[in-house]
């Protein structure tokens, strides 16, 4: 749809929009038919339960998680808008590296979500005997995955000139300047992601939302805006606000995670 094939010329940017829309539709249709084929899943709403009465408790459970994703996604967009105020070569460098960062963090994110689901299932089945050991193992594996991703990012930083051979020298320089930052970023972010999903599984999604909101919207984004718009800092200090934000989250996530684990031991 974007580039075309054979005699089809493609639609360019419009093709990207149509491709995204079709992908979402096909994914939803596949999920629906897969669930319809599963005899153990009943998609019909129970007749003896009032629909409007079910909304408040469902909303109370869903709101913190949905709001958390909303806060983080809008925050990432604001970062991009602030980076757009940097000089052109710096903004191009960040734009080139962001897709790689998103792709690399998918693996620790997937592990963190799987860990949270497993903990929730163990609590629901009242099998919390080895939960403390399991949580520690989840954290260690998540950290190991992030170290591997950081190593791959280091290899990526050495190969960017071959991946993007036609970019300007100033853009290559900007990519080299921020390389240490995006290499270390997965390690810090992975711990926070695992800890956040563990806290959600232990029943405190509101706490995770508060940590993300306060560190990003009340500290990191205002400082980043001040540095970029007022002090006209270099690309290094502007981009450094992302790993600094993750460092700010590490202490409260670590503290509250172990407080909840110790509470589980007492219970």
Protein backbone atom coordinates (compact mmCIF):
# COMPACT_ATOMS: atom_id res chain seq x y z
CA UNK A 1 0.00 0.00 0.00
CA UNK A 2 2.91 2.37 0.60
CA UNK A 3 5.48 1.44 -2.03
CA UNK A 4 3.34 -0.63 -4.40
CA UNK A 5 4.20 -3.88 -6.17
CA UNK A 6 4.25 -5.06 -9.77
CA UNK A 7 2.06 -2.60 -11.73
CA UNK A 8 0.49 -1.10 -8.57
CA UNK A 9 2.17 2.23 -7.80
CA UNK A 10 1.26 2.49 -4.11
CA UNK A 11 -0.33 5.33 -2.15
CA UNK A 12 2.61 6.64 -0.13
CA UNK A 13 1.56 8.29 3.14
CA UNK A 14 -2.11 7.59 2.44
CA UNK A 15 -1.21 3.91 1.98
CA UNK A 16 0.39 3.90 5.45
CA UNK A 17 -2.87 5.15 6.97
CA UNK A 18 -4.98 2.58 5.08
CA UNK A 19 -2.51 -0.16 5.99
CA UNK A 20 -2.76 0.65 9.71
CA UNK A 21 -6.57 0.68 9.53
CA UNK A 22 -6.73 -2.65 7.69
CA UNK A 23 -4.23 -4.24 10.06
CA UNK A 24 -6.34 -3.29 13.10
CA UNK A 25 -9.52 -4.54 11.41
CA UNK A 26 -7.97 -7.88 10.40
CA UNK A 27 -6.55 -8.36 13.91
CA UNK A 28 -9.94 -7.71 15.51
CA UNK A 29 -11.71 -10.01 13.04
CA UNK A 30 -9.20 -12.81 13.63
CA UNK A 31 -9.58 -12.47 17.42
CA UNK A 32 -13.39 -12.56 17.15
CA UNK A 33 -13.51 -15.68 14.98
CA UNK A 34 -10.84 -17.40 17.07
CA UNK A 35 -12.93 -16.84 20.18
CA UNK A 36 -16.11 -17.98 18.41
CA UNK A 37 -14.40 -21.27 17.50
CA UNK A 38 -13.42 -21.89 21.14
CA UNK A 39 -16.23 -23.78 22.86
CA UNK A 40 -14.96 -22.79 26.32
CA UNK A 41 -15.49 -19.08 25.63
CA UNK A 42 -18.97 -17.53 25.76
CA UNK A 43 -19.12 -14.02 24.29
CA UNK A 44 -22.78 -13.44 25.16
CA UNK A 45 -23.62 -11.07 28.00
CA UNK A 46 -25.34 -12.84 30.95
CA UNK A 47 -29.12 -12.24 30.91
CA UNK A 48 -29.48 -12.06 34.70
CA UNK A 49 -26.96 -9.21 35.17
CA UNK A 50 -27.73 -5.53 34.60
CA UNK A 51 -25.35 -3.96 32.09
CA UNK A 52 -25.25 -0.46 33.59
CA UNK A 53 -24.68 -1.84 37.09
CA UNK A 54 -21.57 -3.66 35.87
CA UNK A 55 -19.89 -0.56 34.40
CA UNK A 56 -18.70 1.20 37.64
CA UNK A 57 -16.75 -1.78 39.08
CA UNK A 58 -15.33 -2.60 35.63
CA UNK A 59 -14.31 1.05 35.18
CA UNK A 60 -12.64 1.10 38.60
CA UNK A 61 -10.43 -1.83 37.56
CA UNK A 62 -9.68 -0.69 34.00
CA UNK A 63 -9.22 3.06 34.56
CA UNK A 64 -5.72 3.03 36.18
CA UNK A 65 -4.28 0.72 33.53
CA UNK A 66 -5.85 2.60 30.61
CA UNK A 67 -4.86 5.96 32.08
CA UNK A 68 -1.31 4.70 32.57
CA UNK A 69 -0.94 3.79 28.88
CA UNK A 70 -2.54 7.11 27.91
CA UNK A 71 -0.14 9.11 30.11
CA UNK A 72 2.93 7.31 28.77
CA UNK A 73 1.91 7.50 25.11
CA UNK A 74 1.03 11.20 25.28
CA UNK A 75 4.27 11.80 27.18
CA UNK A 76 6.29 10.11 24.41
CA UNK A 77 4.55 12.38 21.89
CA UNK A 78 5.40 15.48 23.93
CA UNK A 79 9.05 14.37 24.05
CA UNK A 80 9.00 14.13 20.25
CA UNK A 81 7.50 17.63 19.98
CA UNK A 82 10.24 18.99 22.23
CA UNK A 83 12.96 17.21 20.29
CA UNK A 84 11.54 18.77 17.12
CA UNK A 85 12.69 22.15 18.53
CA UNK A 86 16.33 21.00 18.37
CA UNK A 87 18.44 21.64 15.31
CA UNK A 88 17.46 19.61 12.26
CA UNK A 89 20.30 17.07 12.40
CA UNK A 90 19.64 16.30 16.07
CA UNK A 91 15.93 15.78 15.47
CA UNK A 92 16.64 13.50 12.49
CA UNK A 93 19.04 11.44 14.61
CA UNK A 94 16.44 10.93 17.35
CA UNK A 95 13.77 10.12 14.76
CA UNK A 96 16.04 7.46 13.21
CA UNK A 97 16.84 5.78 16.53
CA UNK A 98 13.36 5.83 18.12
CA UNK A 99 11.94 2.88 16.09
CA UNK A 100 14.91 0.74 17.16
CA UNK A 101 14.33 1.67 20.82
CA UNK A 102 10.64 0.75 20.53
CA UNK A 103 11.46 -2.57 18.85
CA UNK A 104 14.13 -3.46 21.42
CA UNK A 105 11.97 -2.72 24.45
CA UNK A 106 9.19 -5.01 23.19
CA UNK A 107 10.98 -8.08 24.54
CA UNK A 108 11.36 -6.88 28.17
CA UNK A 109 7.81 -5.45 27.98
CA UNK A 110 6.42 -8.82 26.87
CA UNK A 111 8.27 -10.58 29.70
CA UNK A 112 7.01 -8.04 32.24
CA UNK A 113 3.39 -8.45 31.13
CA UNK A 114 3.68 -12.25 31.15
CA UNK A 115 5.13 -12.07 34.67
CA UNK A 116 2.26 -9.90 35.86
CA UNK A 117 -0.33 -12.27 34.38
CA UNK A 118 1.36 -15.29 36.00
CA UNK A 119 1.41 -13.57 39.40
CA UNK A 120 -2.27 -12.62 39.07
CA UNK A 121 -3.16 -16.23 38.23
CA UNK A 122 -1.17 -17.53 41.20
CA UNK A 123 -2.95 -15.11 43.54
CA UNK A 124 -6.34 -15.98 42.04
CA UNK A 125 -5.69 -19.69 42.58
CA UNK A 126 -4.33 -19.01 46.09
CA UNK A 127 -0.94 -20.48 45.20
CA UNK A 128 1.24 -17.74 46.65
CA UNK A 129 3.65 -20.01 48.53
CA UNK A 130 6.61 -19.47 46.19
CA UNK A 131 5.50 -16.06 44.96
CA UNK A 132 8.40 -14.15 46.51
CA UNK A 133 10.94 -16.41 44.79
CA UNK A 134 8.98 -16.20 41.52
CA UNK A 135 8.93 -12.38 41.61
CA UNK A 136 12.69 -12.29 42.22
CA UNK A 137 13.22 -14.67 39.28
CA UNK A 138 11.00 -12.53 37.03
CA UNK A 139 13.06 -9.47 37.90
CA UNK A 140 16.36 -11.27 37.23
CA UNK A 141 15.22 -12.62 33.87
CA UNK A 142 13.83 -9.23 32.85
CA UNK A 143 17.16 -7.60 33.76
CA UNK A 144 19.06 -10.27 31.80
CA UNK A 145 16.88 -9.63 28.75
CA UNK A 146 17.51 -5.89 29.03
CA UNK A 147 21.29 -6.44 29.21
CA UNK A 148 21.07 -8.51 26.02
CA UNK A 149 19.05 -5.73 24.35
CA UNK A 150 21.63 -3.17 25.52
CA UNK A 151 24.36 -5.30 23.94
CA UNK A 152 22.41 -5.42 20.68
CA UNK A 153 21.98 -1.64 20.84
CA UNK A 154 25.75 -1.31 21.22
CA UNK A 155 26.23 -3.41 18.07
CA UNK A 156 23.57 -1.27 16.39
CA UNK A 157 25.48 1.91 17.30
CA UNK A 158 28.54 0.53 15.51
CA UNK A 159 26.53 -0.39 12.39
CA UNK A 160 24.39 2.71 11.90
CA UNK A 161 26.68 4.09 9.23
CA UNK A 162 26.07 0.92 7.20
CA UNK A 163 22.32 0.86 7.89
CA UNK A 164 21.95 4.56 7.01
CA UNK A 165 24.84 5.20 4.58
CA UNK A 166 23.34 8.32 3.01
CA UNK A 167 22.69 10.45 6.10
CA UNK A 168 24.55 13.70 6.67
CA UNK A 169 27.79 13.69 8.75
CA UNK A 170 26.16 15.98 11.34
CA UNK A 171 23.36 13.43 11.81
CA UNK A 172 25.93 10.64 12.22
CA UNK A 173 27.67 12.75 14.87
CA UNK A 174 24.38 13.28 16.72
CA UNK A 175 23.72 9.53 16.68
CA UNK A 176 27.17 8.91 18.18
CA UNK A 177 26.54 11.49 20.91
CA UNK A 178 23.30 9.86 22.15
CA UNK A 179 24.57 6.27 21.72
CA UNK A 180 25.53 5.78 25.43
CA UNK A 181 22.06 6.99 26.44
CA UNK A 182 19.97 4.65 24.27
CA UNK A 183 22.32 1.75 25.05
CA UNK A 184 21.81 2.02 28.82
CA UNK A 185 18.10 2.95 28.57
CA UNK A 186 16.71 -0.65 28.21
CA UNK A 187 18.39 -1.78 31.43
CA UNK A 188 16.78 0.96 33.54
CA UNK A 189 13.44 0.82 31.77
CA UNK A 190 13.15 -2.98 31.96
CA UNK A 191 13.41 -3.00 35.76
CA UNK A 192 10.71 -0.36 36.04
CA UNK A 193 8.46 -2.19 33.58
CA UNK A 194 8.77 -5.49 35.44
CA UNK A 195 8.24 -3.81 38.83
CA UNK A 196 5.23 -1.88 37.50
CA UNK A 197 3.54 -5.01 36.17
CA UNK A 198 4.26 -6.82 39.46
CA UNK A 199 2.59 -4.01 41.41
CA UNK A 200 -0.42 -4.16 39.07
CA UNK A 201 -0.66 -7.90 39.59
CA UNK A 202 -0.52 -7.37 43.36
CA UNK A 203 -3.52 -5.04 43.08
CA UNK A 204 -2.17 -1.48 43.06
CA UNK A 205 -2.52 -0.13 39.52
CA UNK A 206 -3.24 3.34 40.95
CA UNK A 207 0.22 3.47 42.52
CA UNK A 208 1.87 2.64 39.17
CA UNK A 209 -0.14 5.39 37.50
CA UNK A 210 0.91 7.93 40.16
CA UNK A 211 4.61 7.05 39.81
CA UNK A 212 4.51 7.42 36.03
CA UNK A 213 2.49 10.64 36.15
CA UNK A 214 4.57 12.43 38.80
CA UNK A 215 7.98 11.48 37.41
CA UNK A 216 7.10 12.17 33.76
CA UNK A 217 4.60 15.04 33.77
CA UNK A 218 5.65 16.94 36.90
CA UNK A 219 9.43 16.47 36.71
CA UNK A 220 10.94 15.13 33.48
CA UNK A 221 8.82 16.81 30.80
CA UNK A 222 8.91 20.30 32.42
CA UNK A 223 12.69 20.06 32.86
CA UNK A 224 13.10 18.84 29.27
CA UNK A 225 10.94 21.72 28.01
CA UNK A 226 12.98 24.20 30.05
CA UNK A 227 16.29 22.82 28.77
CA UNK A 228 15.20 22.75 25.12
CA UNK A 229 13.06 25.90 24.88
CA UNK A 230 14.84 28.17 27.34
CA UNK A 231 18.48 27.07 27.54
CA UNK A 232 18.82 25.62 24.02
CA UNK A 233 20.85 22.62 25.24
CA UNK A 234 22.58 20.05 23.04
CA UNK A 235 20.99 16.82 21.87
CA UNK A 236 22.76 14.86 24.64
CA UNK A 237 21.08 16.68 27.54
CA UNK A 238 17.71 16.82 25.82
CA UNK A 239 17.68 13.07 25.09
CA UNK A 240 19.18 12.34 28.54
CA UNK A 241 15.86 13.30 30.15
CA UNK A 242 14.37 9.97 29.03
CA UNK A 243 16.85 7.75 30.97
CA UNK A 244 16.81 10.30 33.83
CA UNK A 245 13.03 9.87 34.01
CA UNK A 246 13.49 6.10 34.27
CA UNK A 247 16.07 6.56 37.03
CA UNK A 248 13.59 8.70 38.97
CA UNK A 249 11.05 5.87 38.78
CA UNK A 250 13.46 3.16 39.91
CA UNK A 251 13.56 4.11 43.60
CA UNK A 252 9.77 4.22 44.22
CA UNK A 253 9.19 1.09 42.12
CA UNK A 254 11.87 -0.80 44.07
CA UNK A 255 10.59 0.45 47.43
CA UNK A 256 6.91 -0.33 46.87
CA UNK A 257 7.57 -3.66 45.15
CA UNK A 258 9.43 -5.04 48.16
CA UNK A 259 6.93 -3.51 50.60
CA UNK A 260 4.15 -5.47 48.89
CA UNK A 261 6.26 -8.64 48.76
CA UNK A 262 6.97 -8.41 52.50
CA UNK A 263 3.27 -7.89 53.12
CA UNK A 264 2.58 -11.11 51.19
CA UNK A 265 4.99 -12.95 53.50
CA UNK A 266 3.09 -11.69 56.55
CA UNK A 267 -0.26 -12.71 55.06
